[in-house]
C-alpha atoms as a PDB file:
ATOM      1  CA  MET A   1      97.441 101.710  65.982  1.00  0.00           C
ATOM      2  CA  ILE A   2      96.976  97.868  65.604  1.00  0.00           C
ATOM      3  CA  ARG A   3      93.288  96.586  65.243  1.00  0.00           C
ATOM      4  CA  LEU A   4      91.556  92.702  66.704  1.00  0.00           C
ATOM      5  CA  ALA A   5      89.541  91.365  63.686  1.00  0.00           C
ATOM      6  CA  GLY A   6      86.974  90.378  65.840  1.00  0.00           C
ATOM      7  CA  GLN A   7      88.597  87.742  67.852  1.00  0.00           C
ATOM      8  CA  THR A   8      87.175  86.316  70.853  1.00  0.00           C
ATOM      9  CA  ILE A   9      88.666  87.570  74.250  1.00  0.00           C
ATOM     10  CA  LEU A  10      88.138  85.356  77.416  1.00  0.00           C
ATOM     11  CA  ILE A  11      88.224  87.693  80.871  1.00  0.00           C
ATOM     12  CA  THR A  12      88.901  85.982  83.897  1.00  0.00           C
ATOM     13  CA  ARG A  13      89.272  88.733  86.223  1.00  0.00           C
ATOM     14  CA  ALA A  14      87.126  89.394  88.926  1.00  0.00           C
ATOM     15  CA  ALA A  15      83.497  90.812  87.206  1.00  0.00           C
ATOM     16  CA  ASP A  16      84.134  94.551  89.368  1.00  0.00           C
ATOM     17  CA  GLN A  17      87.565  94.537  88.036  1.00  0.00           C
ATOM     18  CA  ALA A  18      87.018  93.574  84.116  1.00  0.00           C
ATOM     19  CA  GLY A  19      85.316  96.855  82.481  1.00  0.00           C
ATOM     20  CA  GLU A  20      88.331  98.430  81.833  1.00  0.00           C
ATOM     21  CA  LEU A  21      90.083  95.505  79.597  1.00  0.00           C
ATOM     22  CA  ALA A  22      86.523  94.938  78.038  1.00  0.00           C
ATOM     23  CA  ARG A  23      86.254  98.345  77.263  1.00  0.00           C
ATOM     24  CA  ARG A  24      89.862  98.177  75.571  1.00  0.00           C
ATOM     25  CA  ILE A  25      88.740  94.918  73.535  1.00  0.00           C
ATOM     26  CA  GLU A  26      85.891  95.965  72.184  1.00  0.00           C
ATOM     27  CA  ARG A  27      88.036  99.632  71.182  1.00  0.00           C
ATOM     28  CA  ARG A  28      89.804  97.154  69.164  1.00  0.00           C
ATOM     29  CA  GLY A  29      87.855  95.437  67.440  1.00  0.00           C
ATOM     30  CA  GLY A  30      87.900  92.284  69.720  1.00  0.00           C
ATOM     31  CA  VAL A  31      85.106  90.718  71.477  1.00  0.00           C
ATOM     32  CA  PRO A  32      85.282  90.152  74.992  1.00  0.00           C
ATOM     33  CA  ILE A  33      83.064  87.659  76.918  1.00  0.00           C
ATOM     34  CA  LEU A  34      83.843  88.201  80.621  1.00  0.00           C
ATOM     35  CA  PHE A  35      84.212  84.339  82.609  1.00  0.00           C
ATOM     36  CA  PRO A  36      85.395  85.757  85.851  1.00  0.00           C
ATOM     37  CA  THR A  37      87.395  82.942  87.965  1.00  0.00           C
ATOM     38  CA  ILE A  38      87.972  85.100  90.956  1.00  0.00           C
ATOM     39  CA  ALA A  39      86.147  87.109  93.644  1.00  0.00           C
ATOM     40  CA  ILE A  40      87.332  89.716  96.345  1.00  0.00           C
ATOM     41  CA  ARG A  41      85.667  89.293  99.559  1.00  0.00           C
ATOM     42  CA  PRO A  42      86.340  91.123 102.716  1.00  0.00           C
ATOM     43  CA  PRO A  43      88.875  89.341 105.354  1.00  0.00           C
ATOM     44  CA  ASP A  44      87.634  87.151 107.647  1.00  0.00           C
ATOM     45  CA  SER A  45      88.149  89.493 110.557  1.00  0.00           C
ATOM     46  CA  TRP A  46      89.165  92.900 110.700  1.00  0.00           C
ATOM     47  CA  LYS A  47      90.849  92.672 114.116  1.00  0.00           C
ATOM     48  CA  GLU A  48      94.390  92.593 112.679  1.00  0.00           C
ATOM     49  CA  CYS A  49      94.003  95.546 110.662  1.00  0.00           C
ATOM     50  CA  ASP A  50      92.446  97.828 112.562  1.00  0.00           C
ATOM     51  CA  LEU A  51      95.261  97.128 115.046  1.00  0.00           C
ATOM     52  CA  GLU A  52      97.909  98.126 112.221  1.00  0.00           C
ATOM     53  CA  ILE A  53      95.931 101.311 111.317  1.00  0.00           C
ATOM     54  CA  ASP A  54      95.827 102.545 114.698  1.00  0.00           C
ATOM     55  CA  ALA A  55      99.739 101.575 114.824  1.00  0.00           C
ATOM     56  CA  LEU A  56     100.371 103.895 111.289  1.00  0.00           C
ATOM     57  CA  PRO A  57     102.546 106.206 113.472  1.00  0.00           C
ATOM     58  CA  SER A  58     104.918 103.551 114.103  1.00  0.00           C
ATOM     59  CA  TYR A  59     105.568 102.303 110.273  1.00  0.00           C
ATOM     60  CA  ASP A  60     107.704 104.280 108.221  1.00  0.00           C
ATOM     61  CA  GLY A  61     105.751 103.277 105.158  1.00  0.00           C
ATOM     62  CA  ILE A  62     103.811 101.324 103.064  1.00  0.00           C
ATOM     63  CA  ILE A  63     103.785  98.860 100.516  1.00  0.00           C
ATOM     64  CA  PHE A  64     100.995  98.036  98.165  1.00  0.00           C
ATOM     65  CA  THR A  65     100.729  95.073  95.523  1.00  0.00           C
ATOM     66  CA  SER A  66      97.791  95.240  93.936  1.00  0.00           C
ATOM     67  CA  ALA A  67      95.643  97.396  93.437  1.00  0.00           C
ATOM     68  CA  ASN A  68      93.172  95.651  95.697  1.00  0.00           C
ATOM     69  CA  GLY A  69      95.403  96.214  98.346  1.00  0.00           C
ATOM     70  CA  VAL A  70      95.206  99.739  97.817  1.00  0.00           C
ATOM     71  CA  LYS A  71      91.120  99.692  97.660  1.00  0.00           C
ATOM     72  CA  CYS A  72      90.419  97.607 100.539  1.00  0.00           C
ATOM     73  CA  PHE A  73      92.950  99.350 102.852  1.00  0.00           C
ATOM     74  CA  PHE A  74      92.000 102.732 102.278  1.00  0.00           C
ATOM     75  CA  GLY A  75      88.526 101.851 102.391  1.00  0.00           C
ATOM     76  CA  ARG A  76      89.316 100.527 106.007  1.00  0.00           C
ATOM     77  CA  CYS A  77      91.132 103.377 107.197  1.00  0.00           C
ATOM     78  CA  VAL A  78      88.287 105.467 105.899  1.00  0.00           C
ATOM     79  CA  HIS A  79      86.217 103.563 108.479  1.00  0.00           C
ATOM     80  CA  HIS A  80      88.404 104.622 110.753  1.00  0.00           C
ATOM     81  CA  GLY A  81      88.107 108.266 109.787  1.00  0.00           C
ATOM     82  CA  LEU A  82      91.347 108.738 108.467  1.00  0.00           C
ATOM     83  CA  THR A  83      91.905 110.281 104.965  1.00  0.00           C
ATOM     84  CA  ALA A  84      94.742 110.683 102.483  1.00  0.00           C
ATOM     85  CA  ASP A  85      96.541 113.558 104.107  1.00  0.00           C
ATOM     86  CA  ASP A  86      96.916 111.208 107.130  1.00  0.00           C
ATOM     87  CA  LEU A  87      99.032 109.080 104.607  1.00  0.00           C
ATOM     88  CA  ARG A  88     100.734 111.446 102.922  1.00  0.00           C
ATOM     89  CA  SER A  89     103.720 111.452 105.284  1.00  0.00           C
ATOM     90  CA  LYS A  90     104.374 108.069 104.635  1.00  0.00           C
ATOM     91  CA  LEU A  91     106.855 106.064 101.858  1.00  0.00           C
ATOM     92  CA  ILE A  92     104.820 104.304  99.847  1.00  0.00           C
ATOM     93  CA  CYS A  93     105.880 101.561  97.471  1.00  0.00           C
ATOM     94  CA  ALA A  94     103.654  99.947  94.443  1.00  0.00           C
ATOM     95  CA  VAL A  95     104.238  97.086  92.260  1.00  0.00           C
ATOM     96  CA  GLY A  96     102.654  97.389  88.847  1.00  0.00           C
ATOM     97  CA  GLU A  97     101.429 100.552  87.134  1.00  0.00           C
ATOM     98  CA  GLN A  98      97.556  99.514  87.850  1.00  0.00           C
ATOM     99  CA  THR A  99      98.670  99.048  91.925  1.00  0.00           C
ATOM    100  CA  SER A 100     100.050 102.935  91.321  1.00  0.00           C
ATOM    101  CA  ARG A 101      97.888 104.448  89.777  1.00  0.00           C
ATOM    102  CA  SER A 102      95.222 103.503  92.374  1.00  0.00           C
ATOM    103  CA  THR A 103      97.525 104.309  95.101  1.00  0.00           C
ATOM    104  CA  LYS A 104      97.485 108.156  93.204  1.00  0.00           C
ATOM    105  CA  ARG A 105      94.294 107.975  92.728  1.00  0.00           C
ATOM    106  CA  ILE A 106      93.351 108.238  96.650  1.00  0.00           C
ATOM    107  CA  GLY A 107      95.842 111.149  96.298  1.00  0.00           C
ATOM    108  CA  LEU A 108      99.503 109.558  97.775  1.00  0.00           C
ATOM    109  CA  THR A 109     102.326 109.918  96.167  1.00  0.00           C
ATOM    110  CA  VAL A 110     104.323 106.867  95.157  1.00  0.00           C
ATOM    111  CA  THR A 111     107.684 107.081  96.265  1.00  0.00           C
ATOM    112  CA  ALA A 112     109.052 103.931  94.016  1.00  0.00           C
ATOM    113  CA  VAL A 113     107.548 101.851  91.354  1.00  0.00           C
ATOM    114  CA  PRO A 114     109.959  98.728  89.733  1.00  0.00           C
ATOM    115  CA  GLU A 115     110.931  99.225  86.413  1.00  0.00           C
ATOM    116  CA  LYS A 116     109.597  95.446  86.315  1.00  0.00           C
ATOM    117  CA  TYR A 117     106.265  93.952  87.862  1.00  0.00           C
ATOM    118  CA  SER A 118     106.705  92.013  90.900  1.00  0.00           C
ATOM    119  CA  ALA A 119     107.405  92.242  94.641  1.00  0.00           C
ATOM    120  CA  LEU A 120     111.280  91.191  93.845  1.00  0.00           C
ATOM    121  CA  ASP A 121     111.619  93.826  91.500  1.00  0.00           C
ATOM    122  CA  LEU A 122     110.220  96.293  93.797  1.00  0.00           C
ATOM    123  CA  ALA A 123     112.531  95.274  96.719  1.00  0.00           C
ATOM    124  CA  ARG A 124     115.514  95.808  94.508  1.00  0.00           C
ATOM    125  CA  ALA A 125     114.120  99.111  92.997  1.00  0.00           C
ATOM    126  CA  VAL A 126     114.349 100.682  96.549  1.00  0.00           C
ATOM    127  CA  GLY A 127     117.002 102.701  97.483  1.00  0.00           C
ATOM    128  CA  ASP A 128     119.177 101.612 100.567  1.00  0.00           C
ATOM    129  CA  GLU A 129     117.827 105.068 102.347  1.00  0.00           C
ATOM    130  CA  PHE A 130     114.345 103.830 102.240  1.00  0.00           C
ATOM    131  CA  LEU A 131     115.045 100.293 103.264  1.00  0.00           C
ATOM    132  CA  LYS A 132     117.523 100.130 106.155  1.00  0.00           C
ATOM    133  CA  GLY A 133     116.252 100.601 109.745  1.00  0.00           C
ATOM    134  CA  LYS A 134     112.913 101.747 107.815  1.00  0.00           C
ATOM    135  CA  ARG A 135     109.341  99.325 109.006  1.00  0.00           C
ATOM    136  CA  TYR A 136     106.761  98.712 106.408  1.00  0.00           C
ATOM    137  CA  LEU A 137     103.296  97.750 106.633  1.00  0.00           C
ATOM    138  CA  HIS A 138     101.997  95.156 103.751  1.00  0.00           C
ATOM    139  CA  PRO A 139      98.206  95.465 103.034  1.00  0.00           C
ATOM    140  CA  ARG A 140      97.350  92.287 100.969  1.00  0.00           C
ATOM    141  CA  GLY A 141      95.185  89.419  99.839  1.00  0.00           C
ATOM    142  CA  ASN A 142      95.194  85.982 101.812  1.00  0.00           C
ATOM    143  CA  LEU A 143      97.130  84.455  98.934  1.00  0.00           C
ATOM    144  CA  GLY A 144     100.339  86.713  98.869  1.00  0.00           C
ATOM    145  CA  ASP A 145     103.881  85.268  99.581  1.00  0.00           C
ATOM    146  CA  ASP A 146     106.390  86.298 101.595  1.00  0.00           C
ATOM    147  CA  THR A 147     109.370  87.312  98.687  1.00  0.00           C
ATOM    148  CA  LEU A 148     108.779  90.878  99.209  1.00  0.00           C
ATOM    149  CA  ALA A 149     109.182  90.804 102.775  1.00  0.00           C
ATOM    150  CA  GLU A 150     112.244  88.495 102.894  1.00  0.00           C
ATOM    151  CA  ASN A 151     113.528  90.309 100.202  1.00  0.00           C
ATOM    152  CA  PHE A 152     112.812  93.610 102.236  1.00  0.00           C
ATOM    153  CA  ARG A 153     114.650  92.145 105.491  1.00  0.00           C
ATOM    154  CA  ARG A 154     117.715  91.042 104.088  1.00  0.00           C
ATOM    155  CA  ARG A 155     118.248  94.760 103.433  1.00  0.00           C
ATOM    156  CA  ARG A 156     117.459  95.315 106.627  1.00  0.00           C
ATOM    157  CA  ALA A 157     113.832  96.905 106.292  1.00  0.00           C
ATOM    158  CA  HIS A 158     111.240  95.469 108.409  1.00  0.00           C
ATOM    159  CA  VAL A 159     108.103  94.582 106.569  1.00  0.00           C
ATOM    160  CA  HIS A 160     104.485  93.655 108.248  1.00  0.00           C
ATOM    161  CA  PRO A 161     101.892  91.837 106.280  1.00  0.00           C
ATOM    162  CA  VAL A 162      98.273  92.565 106.790  1.00  0.00           C
ATOM    163  CA  ILE A 163      95.400  90.728 105.062  1.00  0.00           C
ATOM    164  CA  VAL A 164      92.842  93.224 104.061  1.00  0.00           C
ATOM    165  CA  TYR A 165      91.002  91.418 101.610  1.00  0.00           C
ATOM    166  CA  ARG A 166      90.057  87.644 100.328  1.00  0.00           C
ATOM    167  CA  THR A 167      90.424  86.436  97.087  1.00  0.00           C
ATOM    168  CA  VAL A 168      88.038  83.124  96.527  1.00  0.00           C
ATOM    169  CA  ARG A 169      86.545  81.045  93.464  1.00  0.00           C
ATOM    170  CA  PRO A 170      83.227  82.307  92.451  1.00  0.00           C
ATOM    171  CA  ASP A 171      80.769  79.620  90.624  1.00  0.00           C
ATOM    172  CA  PRO A 172      80.170  81.711  87.154  1.00  0.00           C
ATOM    173  CA  GLU A 173      76.704  81.612  85.247  1.00  0.00           C
ATOM    174  CA  SER A 174      78.259  81.699  81.931  1.00  0.00           C
ATOM    175  CA  PHE A 175      80.242  78.135  83.085  1.00  0.00           C
ATOM    176  CA  ASP A 176      78.430  76.177  80.383  1.00  0.00           C
ATOM    177  CA  ARG A 177      78.206  78.661  77.923  1.00  0.00           C
ATOM    178  CA  VAL A 178      81.479  79.163  77.876  1.00  0.00           C
ATOM    179  CA  ARG A 179      82.854  75.187  78.510  1.00  0.00           C
ATOM    180  CA  THR A 180      80.931  74.821  74.883  1.00  0.00           C
ATOM    181  CA  MET A 181      82.638  77.840  73.333  1.00  0.00           C
ATOM    182  CA  LEU A 182      85.960  76.577  74.527  1.00  0.00           C
ATOM    183  CA  LEU A 183      85.952  73.095  73.536  1.00  0.00           C
ATOM    184  CA  ARG A 184      83.634  74.220  70.001  1.00  0.00           C
ATOM    185  CA  GLY A 185      87.509  76.455  69.504  1.00  0.00           C
ATOM    186  CA  GLU A 186      85.060  79.284  69.446  1.00  0.00           C
ATOM    187  CA  ILE A 187      87.459  81.808  71.915  1.00  0.00           C
ATOM    188  CA  ASP A 188      90.450  83.039  70.219  1.00  0.00           C
ATOM    189  CA  VAL A 189      92.516  84.156  73.574  1.00  0.00           C
ATOM    190  CA  VAL A 190      92.324  83.428  77.687  1.00  0.00           C
ATOM    191  CA  THR A 191      93.462  86.024  79.078  1.00  0.00           C
ATOM    192  CA  PHE A 192      94.842  85.603  83.066  1.00  0.00           C
ATOM    193  CA  THR A 193      95.862  88.729  85.212  1.00  0.00           C
ATOM    194  CA  SER A 194      97.556  87.060  88.127  1.00  0.00           C
ATOM    195  CA  PRO A 195      98.163  83.459  88.971  1.00  0.00           C
ATOM    196  CA  SER A 196      94.408  82.626  90.858  1.00  0.00           C
ATOM    197  CA  THR A 197      92.465  83.690  87.838  1.00  0.00           C
ATOM    198  CA  PHE A 198      94.624  81.104  85.925  1.00  0.00           C
ATOM    199  CA  GLY A 199      94.365  78.643  89.000  1.00  0.00           C
ATOM    200  CA  ASN A 200      91.225  78.846  89.500  1.00  0.00           C
ATOM    201  CA  PHE A 201      89.957  78.596  85.589  1.00  0.00           C
ATOM    202  CA  ALA A 202      91.986  75.470  85.657  1.00  0.00           C
ATOM    203  CA  SER A 203      90.114  73.824  88.600  1.00  0.00           C
ATOM    204  CA  PHE A 204      87.061  74.408  86.476  1.00  0.00           C
ATOM    205  CA  PHE A 205      87.731  71.845  84.107  1.00  0.00           C
ATOM    206  CA  SER A 206      89.083  67.966  83.832  1.00  0.00           C
ATOM    207  CA  ALA A 207      92.272  67.043  82.967  1.00  0.00           C
ATOM    208  CA  ASP A 208      90.687  65.349  79.891  1.00  0.00           C
ATOM    209  CA  GLU A 209      88.870  68.727  79.033  1.00  0.00           C
ATOM    210  CA  ILE A 210      92.241  70.887  79.487  1.00  0.00           C
ATOM    211  CA  GLU A 211      94.252  68.654  77.070  1.00  0.00           C
ATOM    212  CA  GLN A 212      90.862  69.467  74.281  1.00  0.00           C
ATOM    213  CA  ILE A 213      91.528  73.346  74.776  1.00  0.00           C
ATOM    214  CA  ARG A 214      94.518  73.938  74.908  1.00  0.00           C
ATOM    215  CA  PRO A 215      95.224  73.497  71.242  1.00  0.00           C
ATOM    216  CA  LEU A 216      92.513  75.265  70.146  1.00  0.00           C
ATOM    217  CA  THR A 217      92.770  78.873  72.100  1.00  0.00           C
ATOM    218  CA  ARG A 218      96.130  81.016  72.950  1.00  0.00           C
ATOM    219  CA  ILE A 219      96.666  81.796  76.748  1.00  0.00           C
ATOM    220  CA  ALA A 220      97.718  85.342  77.674  1.00  0.00           C
ATOM    221  CA  ALA A 221      99.504  86.034  80.433  1.00  0.00           C
ATOM    222  CA  LEU A 222      99.920  89.813  82.330  1.00  0.00           C
ATOM    223  CA  GLY A 223     103.329  89.977  83.851  1.00  0.00           C
ATOM    224  CA  PRO A 224     105.774  87.787  84.970  1.00  0.00           C
ATOM    225  CA  VAL A 225     104.123  86.209  88.023  1.00  0.00           C
ATOM    226  CA  THR A 226     101.229  85.276  86.207  1.00  0.00           C
ATOM    227  CA  ALA A 227     103.609  83.855  83.652  1.00  0.00           C
ATOM    228  CA  ASP A 228     105.193  81.193  86.012  1.00  0.00           C
ATOM    229  CA  ALA A 229     102.275  80.246  87.494  1.00  0.00           C
ATOM    230  CA  ILE A 230     100.958  79.029  83.571  1.00  0.00           C
ATOM    231  CA  LYS A 231     104.387  77.670  83.412  1.00  0.00           C
ATOM    232  CA  GLN A 232     104.767  75.619  86.459  1.00  0.00           C
ATOM    233  CA  SER A 233     101.048  73.858  85.548  1.00  0.00           C
ATOM    234  CA  ARG A 234     103.441  72.966  82.215  1.00  0.00           C
ATOM    235  CA  MET A 235     101.241  75.053  79.902  1.00  0.00           C
ATOM    236  CA  ALA A 236     102.729  77.327  77.592  1.00  0.00           C
ATOM    237  CA  VAL A 237     102.361  81.251  77.525  1.00  0.00           C
ATOM    238  CA  ASP A 238     101.526  82.632  73.599  1.00  0.00           C
ATOM    239  CA  ILE A 239     101.195  86.406  74.591  1.00  0.00           C
ATOM    240  CA  PHE A 240     103.088  87.769  77.278  1.00  0.00           C
ATOM    241  CA  ALA A 241     102.596  91.656  78.505  1.00  0.00           C
ATOM    242  CA  GLU A 242     105.565  92.073  80.222  1.00  0.00           C
ATOM    243  CA  GLN A 243     104.153  94.981  81.959  1.00  0.00           C
ATOM    244  CA  ALA A 244     101.163  94.649  84.703  1.00  0.00           C
ATOM    245  CA  SER A 245      98.654  97.153  82.881  1.00  0.00           C
ATOM    246  CA  VAL A 246      95.267  96.046  81.056  1.00  0.00           C
ATOM    247  CA  GLU A 247      97.252  98.196  78.129  1.00  0.00           C
ATOM    248  CA  SER A 248      99.851  96.411  77.995  1.00  0.00           C
ATOM    249  CA  LEU A 249      97.808  93.072  77.913  1.00  0.00           C
ATOM    250  CA  VAL A 250      95.650  94.126  74.897  1.00  0.00           C
ATOM    251  CA  GLU A 251      98.404  95.730  73.190  1.00  0.00           C
ATOM    252  CA  SER A 252     100.210  92.473  73.203  1.00  0.00           C
ATOM    253  CA  ILE A 253      97.356  90.552  72.227  1.00  0.00           C
ATOM    254  CA  CYS A 254      97.017  93.043  68.982  1.00  0.00           C
ATOM    255  CA  ARG A 255     100.225  92.406  68.130  1.00  0.00           C
ATOM    256  CA  TYR A 256     100.340  88.560  68.810  1.00  0.00           C
ATOM    257  CA  PHE A 257      97.189  89.040  65.901  1.00  0.00           C
ATOM    258  CA  ALA A 258      98.723  91.264  63.843  1.00  0.00           C
ATOM    259  CA  PRO A 259      98.880  91.594  59.609  1.00  0.00           C
ATOM    260  CA  GLY A 260     101.192  89.433  58.448  1.00  0.00           C
ATOM    261  CA  SER A 261     101.286  87.507  61.444  1.00  0.00           C
ATOM    262  CA  GLY A 262      99.229  84.735  59.997  1.00  0.00           C
ATOM    263  CA  ARG A 263      97.304  84.342  62.944  1.00  0.00           C
ATOM    264  CA  THR A 264      93.935  84.305  62.944  1.00  0.00           C
ATOM    265  CA  GLY A 265      90.770  83.004  64.829  1.00  0.00           C
ATOM    266  CA  SER A 266      91.007  79.422  67.142  1.00  0.00           C
ATOM    267  CA  THR A 267      88.713  77.678  65.140  1.00  0.00           C
ATOM    268  CA  GLN A 268      92.225  76.483  63.807  1.00  0.00           C
ATOM    269  CA  PRO A 269      94.316  74.925  65.990  1.00  0.00           C
ATOM    270  CA  ARG A 270      97.208  76.972  67.256  1.00  0.00           C
ATOM    271  CA  LYS A 271     101.119  76.595  66.769  1.00  0.00           C
ATOM    272  CA  PRO A 272     102.700  75.856  69.744  1.00  0.00           C
ATOM    273  CA  ALA A 273     104.943  78.395  71.449  1.00  0.00           C
ATOM    274  CA  ASP A 274     108.461  78.369  71.723  1.00  0.00           C
ATOM    275  CA  GLY A 275     109.587  76.835  75.215  1.00  0.00           C
END
């Protein structure tokens, strides 16, 4: 097992979801620092979701594209007096290992999980027998797009999205401390687990500060969607975890700093990533 050598890793995911990543970093010898750039909140209204829960018998399946979608939707189902037994007749699709685990944790069997972890890959992975003429409910966050629905529709399936949570920008209490550490080159890796964690992180800093910070740390992205969002902002991704799981992210960071790589802490400017 490759271990970290005291590298300091910034975690930007929501505070209530950062625990597993922090523990895995500590087990490998790293030092996690929590700096949540997103927070998960209920939708402005549950009215539409409640209507769709009442209409569940008309759906053939449910598509989950995040662990938050699983947690928030199932929580609302429980509010209506439903249990996992009431959903077991549905085809269940999940994007990403964490999403799949969350779905199984509530007692559901996952019908389809793509080998790669994006909504587009899910649309490609699902067999025609689960698509043509089928109706799916897609519980998602307010920042979700219609990529998945459009790809399912091309294969003659109907997907109805419903917002079950909002992703908002919090005001981290640790901002001044983290800002100082970043500008001093005291943080080795900044992790991003979704496009919103990156977008909100960037919004905390001025363009000049981003320019100062970038050579002093490494950027780690979880999954292709997150990596693409970072690259679209003309910033390089130094560490990439293709599989959408915290295990994959930590393993990718450890490999980056593996003995013989010549890479140590961020007090020295990093070498630019290829591409």
